[in-house]
C-alpha cells in the first residue's frame, strides 16, 4: 500500500483541538494514520498516512473536515541506522 506525506497549516492550533480530532483520524475508513510531527507554535503539521491511492486520502480528509496544503507519495524513506549502514557499505564512513 502506498505511503503518503502530508502538510497542513493550522495557525493557532491547540493541543486540545488536536486531541479532539484524534478519534476520527484513528477510525479513518479510507486511510491509515501512521505518524504526525506537529509544531503548535506555527501550526505546521507533517503527517504520514497509508492509503490505496491519493484520492482515498483526500476523501479521508474531506470526511473529517481536515484541510491540507500538500500531499505527496513517499517513494523512499531511510532511518539514521539505515543511512549509516549504506554509507559503511560504500566505504564512505
N, C-alpha and C. Protein backbone atom coordinates (compact mmCIF):
# COMPACT_ATOMS: atom_id res chain seq x y z
N UNK A 1 0.86 -1.18 0.00
CA UNK A 1 0.00 0.00 0.00
C UNK A 1 0.90 1.23 0.00
N UNK A 2 0.61 2.21 -0.84
CA UNK A 2 1.42 3.42 -0.87
C UNK A 2 1.36 4.19 0.44
N UNK A 3 2.43 4.91 0.70
CA UNK A 3 2.53 5.76 1.90
C UNK A 3 2.63 7.20 1.41
N UNK A 4 1.96 8.09 2.14
CA UNK A 4 1.91 9.50 1.75
C UNK A 4 2.36 10.39 2.90
N UNK A 5 3.01 11.50 2.52
CA UNK A 5 3.32 12.56 3.48
C UNK A 5 2.40 13.73 3.16
N UNK A 6 1.91 14.35 4.21
CA UNK A 6 1.00 15.48 4.02
C UNK A 6 1.48 16.66 4.85
N UNK A 7 1.18 17.83 4.35
CA UNK A 7 1.49 19.07 5.06
C UNK A 7 0.19 19.82 5.27
N UNK A 8 0.01 20.25 6.50
CA UNK A 8 -1.16 21.02 6.89
C UNK A 8 -0.64 22.28 7.60
N UNK A 9 -1.33 23.37 7.42
CA UNK A 9 -1.00 24.59 8.16
C UNK A 9 -2.25 25.01 8.91
N UNK A 10 -2.13 25.06 10.23
CA UNK A 10 -3.27 25.40 11.08
C UNK A 10 -2.80 26.35 12.18
N UNK A 11 -2.51 27.61 11.81
CA UNK A 11 -2.05 28.57 12.81
C UNK A 11 -3.04 28.67 13.98
N UNK A 12 -2.50 28.71 15.17
CA UNK A 12 -3.34 28.80 16.35
C UNK A 12 -3.87 27.47 16.84
N UNK A 13 -3.44 26.38 16.23
CA UNK A 13 -3.90 25.06 16.66
C UNK A 13 -3.50 24.80 18.11
N UNK A 14 -4.46 24.34 18.89
CA UNK A 14 -4.20 24.00 20.28
C UNK A 14 -4.08 22.49 20.42
N UNK A 15 -3.31 22.05 21.38
CA UNK A 15 -3.15 20.62 21.60
C UNK A 15 -4.50 19.96 21.89
N UNK A 16 -5.40 20.68 22.55
CA UNK A 16 -6.73 20.15 22.83
C UNK A 16 -7.51 19.91 21.53
N UNK A 17 -7.35 20.82 20.55
CA UNK A 17 -8.02 20.64 19.27
C UNK A 17 -7.45 19.43 18.54
N UNK A 18 -6.14 19.26 18.63
CA UNK A 18 -5.51 18.09 18.02
C UNK A 18 -6.12 16.82 18.63
N UNK A 19 -6.23 16.80 19.94
CA UNK A 19 -6.77 15.62 20.64
C UNK A 19 -8.22 15.36 20.25
N UNK A 20 -9.01 16.43 20.03
CA UNK A 20 -10.41 16.27 19.64
C UNK A 20 -10.55 15.55 18.29
N UNK A 21 -9.61 15.76 17.39
CA UNK A 21 -9.67 15.14 16.07
C UNK A 21 -9.10 13.73 16.05
N UNK A 22 -8.42 13.33 17.12
CA UNK A 22 -7.69 12.05 17.12
C UNK A 22 -8.58 10.84 16.87
N UNK A 23 -9.75 10.80 17.46
CA UNK A 23 -10.61 9.63 17.30
C UNK A 23 -11.03 9.43 15.84
N UNK A 24 -11.41 10.52 15.17
CA UNK A 24 -11.79 10.42 13.77
C UNK A 24 -10.64 10.01 12.88
N UNK A 25 -9.46 10.54 13.17
CA UNK A 25 -8.26 10.18 12.41
C UNK A 25 -7.95 8.70 12.62
N UNK A 26 -8.02 8.26 13.86
CA UNK A 26 -7.74 6.86 14.19
C UNK A 26 -8.71 5.91 13.49
N UNK A 27 -9.97 6.28 13.44
CA UNK A 27 -11.01 5.40 12.91
C UNK A 27 -11.20 5.55 11.40
N UNK A 28 -10.34 6.27 10.74
CA UNK A 28 -10.49 6.54 9.31
C UNK A 28 -10.72 5.29 8.48
N UNK A 29 -11.66 5.38 7.54
CA UNK A 29 -12.02 4.25 6.69
C UNK A 29 -11.22 4.18 5.41
N UNK A 30 -10.69 5.30 4.96
CA UNK A 30 -10.06 5.35 3.63
C UNK A 30 -8.54 5.41 3.69
N UNK A 31 -8.00 5.74 4.85
CA UNK A 31 -6.56 5.86 5.01
C UNK A 31 -6.19 5.53 6.45
N UNK A 32 -4.97 5.05 6.63
CA UNK A 32 -4.50 4.69 7.96
C UNK A 32 -3.43 5.67 8.42
N UNK A 33 -3.69 6.34 9.53
CA UNK A 33 -2.73 7.27 10.12
C UNK A 33 -1.52 6.49 10.62
N UNK A 34 -0.33 7.00 10.32
CA UNK A 34 0.92 6.36 10.75
C UNK A 34 1.64 7.21 11.79
N UNK A 35 1.83 8.50 11.50
CA UNK A 35 2.60 9.35 12.41
C UNK A 35 2.35 10.82 12.10
N UNK A 36 2.57 11.66 13.11
CA UNK A 36 2.46 13.10 12.92
C UNK A 36 3.63 13.79 13.62
N UNK A 37 4.05 14.89 13.03
CA UNK A 37 5.02 15.79 13.63
C UNK A 37 4.35 17.16 13.61
N UNK A 38 4.22 17.78 14.79
CA UNK A 38 3.42 18.99 14.91
C UNK A 38 4.21 20.08 15.63
N UNK A 39 4.15 21.29 15.08
CA UNK A 39 4.66 22.46 15.77
C UNK A 39 3.45 23.34 16.08
N UNK A 40 3.00 23.31 17.31
CA UNK A 40 1.81 24.06 17.69
C UNK A 40 2.02 25.56 17.57
N UNK A 41 3.24 26.01 17.81
CA UNK A 41 3.52 27.45 17.75
C UNK A 41 3.27 28.04 16.37
N UNK A 42 3.65 27.31 15.33
CA UNK A 42 3.47 27.80 13.96
C UNK A 42 2.25 27.18 13.28
N UNK A 43 1.71 26.13 13.88
CA UNK A 43 0.58 25.43 13.27
C UNK A 43 0.99 24.56 12.10
N UNK A 44 2.27 24.20 12.03
CA UNK A 44 2.77 23.36 10.94
C UNK A 44 2.63 21.90 11.34
N UNK A 45 1.99 21.13 10.47
CA UNK A 45 1.73 19.71 10.75
C UNK A 45 2.21 18.88 9.56
N UNK A 46 3.02 17.89 9.86
CA UNK A 46 3.52 16.96 8.85
C UNK A 46 3.04 15.58 9.27
N UNK A 47 2.27 14.89 8.41
CA UNK A 47 1.73 13.59 8.77
C UNK A 47 2.12 12.54 7.74
N UNK A 48 2.06 11.30 8.18
CA UNK A 48 2.29 10.14 7.32
C UNK A 48 1.04 9.28 7.38
N UNK A 49 0.56 8.87 6.21
CA UNK A 49 -0.61 8.00 6.08
C UNK A 49 -0.33 6.89 5.08
N UNK A 50 -0.99 5.76 5.27
CA UNK A 50 -1.05 4.71 4.26
C UNK A 50 -2.44 4.77 3.65
N UNK A 51 -2.50 4.67 2.32
CA UNK A 51 -3.79 4.68 1.62
C UNK A 51 -3.62 3.99 0.27
N UNK A 52 -4.71 3.47 -0.26
CA UNK A 52 -4.60 2.75 -1.55
C UNK A 52 -4.20 3.69 -2.68
N UNK A 53 -4.59 4.97 -2.56
CA UNK A 53 -4.18 5.98 -3.54
C UNK A 53 -4.44 7.37 -2.95
N UNK A 54 -3.99 8.39 -3.67
CA UNK A 54 -4.12 9.76 -3.20
C UNK A 54 -5.59 10.14 -3.01
N UNK A 55 -6.44 9.70 -3.93
CA UNK A 55 -7.86 10.03 -3.85
C UNK A 55 -8.50 9.52 -2.56
N UNK A 56 -8.08 8.34 -2.11
CA UNK A 56 -8.62 7.79 -0.86
C UNK A 56 -8.21 8.66 0.32
N UNK A 57 -6.99 9.16 0.30
CA UNK A 57 -6.53 10.03 1.39
C UNK A 57 -7.28 11.36 1.36
N UNK A 58 -7.47 11.91 0.18
CA UNK A 58 -8.26 13.15 0.06
C UNK A 58 -9.67 12.94 0.58
N UNK A 59 -10.28 11.81 0.24
CA UNK A 59 -11.63 11.50 0.73
C UNK A 59 -11.65 11.44 2.25
N UNK A 60 -10.61 10.83 2.82
CA UNK A 60 -10.50 10.75 4.28
C UNK A 60 -10.47 12.15 4.89
N UNK A 61 -9.64 13.01 4.35
CA UNK A 61 -9.54 14.38 4.88
C UNK A 61 -10.86 15.12 4.71
N UNK A 62 -11.52 14.96 3.58
CA UNK A 62 -12.79 15.64 3.36
C UNK A 62 -13.85 15.19 4.36
N UNK A 63 -13.92 13.88 4.61
CA UNK A 63 -14.90 13.37 5.57
C UNK A 63 -14.64 13.89 6.98
N UNK A 64 -13.36 14.08 7.32
CA UNK A 64 -13.01 14.57 8.66
C UNK A 64 -13.01 16.09 8.74
N UNK A 65 -13.14 16.76 7.60
CA UNK A 65 -13.09 18.21 7.57
C UNK A 65 -11.69 18.75 7.83
N UNK A 66 -10.67 17.96 7.47
CA UNK A 66 -9.28 18.37 7.67
C UNK A 66 -8.74 19.04 6.41
N UNK A 67 -8.28 20.25 6.56
CA UNK A 67 -7.71 20.99 5.44
C UNK A 67 -6.25 20.58 5.29
N UNK A 68 -5.81 20.39 4.06
CA UNK A 68 -4.42 20.04 3.80
C UNK A 68 -3.87 20.99 2.75
N UNK A 69 -2.56 21.17 2.79
CA UNK A 69 -1.89 22.03 1.82
C UNK A 69 -1.19 21.22 0.73
N UNK A 70 -0.61 20.10 1.13
CA UNK A 70 0.13 19.27 0.18
C UNK A 70 -0.02 17.79 0.54
N UNK A 71 -0.03 16.96 -0.50
CA UNK A 71 0.01 15.51 -0.35
C UNK A 71 1.03 14.98 -1.36
N UNK A 72 1.97 14.17 -0.88
CA UNK A 72 2.98 13.60 -1.76
C UNK A 72 3.16 12.12 -1.42
N UNK A 73 3.25 11.29 -2.45
CA UNK A 73 3.56 9.88 -2.22
C UNK A 73 5.02 9.76 -1.84
N UNK A 74 5.28 8.94 -0.85
CA UNK A 74 6.66 8.70 -0.42
C UNK A 74 7.23 7.58 -1.30
N UNK A 75 8.32 7.87 -1.94
CA UNK A 75 8.96 6.88 -2.80
C UNK A 75 10.16 6.24 -2.12
N UNK A 76 10.65 6.88 -1.06
CA UNK A 76 11.85 6.38 -0.40
C UNK A 76 11.88 6.93 1.02
N UNK A 77 12.26 6.10 1.96
CA UNK A 77 12.49 6.58 3.32
C UNK A 77 13.70 5.84 3.88
N UNK A 78 14.34 6.46 4.85
CA UNK A 78 15.55 5.87 5.41
C UNK A 78 15.74 6.37 6.83
N UNK A 79 16.01 5.44 7.73
CA UNK A 79 16.30 5.80 9.12
C UNK A 79 17.77 6.17 9.23
N UNK A 80 18.13 6.70 10.37
CA UNK A 80 19.53 7.03 10.63
C UNK A 80 20.40 5.78 10.52
N UNK A 81 19.96 4.71 11.17
CA UNK A 81 20.74 3.46 11.15
C UNK A 81 20.89 2.92 9.72
N UNK A 82 19.84 3.02 8.94
CA UNK A 82 19.92 2.56 7.55
C UNK A 82 20.88 3.42 6.73
N UNK A 83 20.91 4.72 7.01
CA UNK A 83 21.85 5.59 6.32
C UNK A 83 23.29 5.24 6.68
N UNK A 84 23.54 5.00 7.96
CA UNK A 84 24.87 4.61 8.41
C UNK A 84 25.30 3.32 7.73
N UNK A 85 24.41 2.33 7.69
CA UNK A 85 24.73 1.05 7.04
C UNK A 85 25.04 1.25 5.57
N UNK A 86 24.27 2.08 4.88
CA UNK A 86 24.52 2.35 3.48
C UNK A 86 25.88 3.00 3.27
N UNK A 87 26.20 4.01 4.08
CA UNK A 87 27.48 4.70 3.94
C UNK A 87 28.65 3.77 4.27
N UNK A 88 28.46 2.94 5.26
CA UNK A 88 29.52 1.96 5.60
C UNK A 88 29.72 0.96 4.45
N UNK A 89 28.63 0.48 3.87
CA UNK A 89 28.76 -0.50 2.77
C UNK A 89 29.44 0.11 1.54
N UNK A 90 29.36 1.43 1.43
CA UNK A 90 30.00 2.14 0.32
C UNK A 90 31.42 2.58 0.68
N UNK A 91 31.84 2.29 1.92
CA UNK A 91 33.17 2.69 2.37
C UNK A 91 33.32 4.20 2.54
N UNK A 92 32.20 4.88 2.77
CA UNK A 92 32.24 6.34 2.88
C UNK A 92 32.39 6.81 4.33
N UNK A 93 32.16 5.91 5.27
CA UNK A 93 32.42 6.21 6.69
C UNK A 93 33.05 5.00 7.35
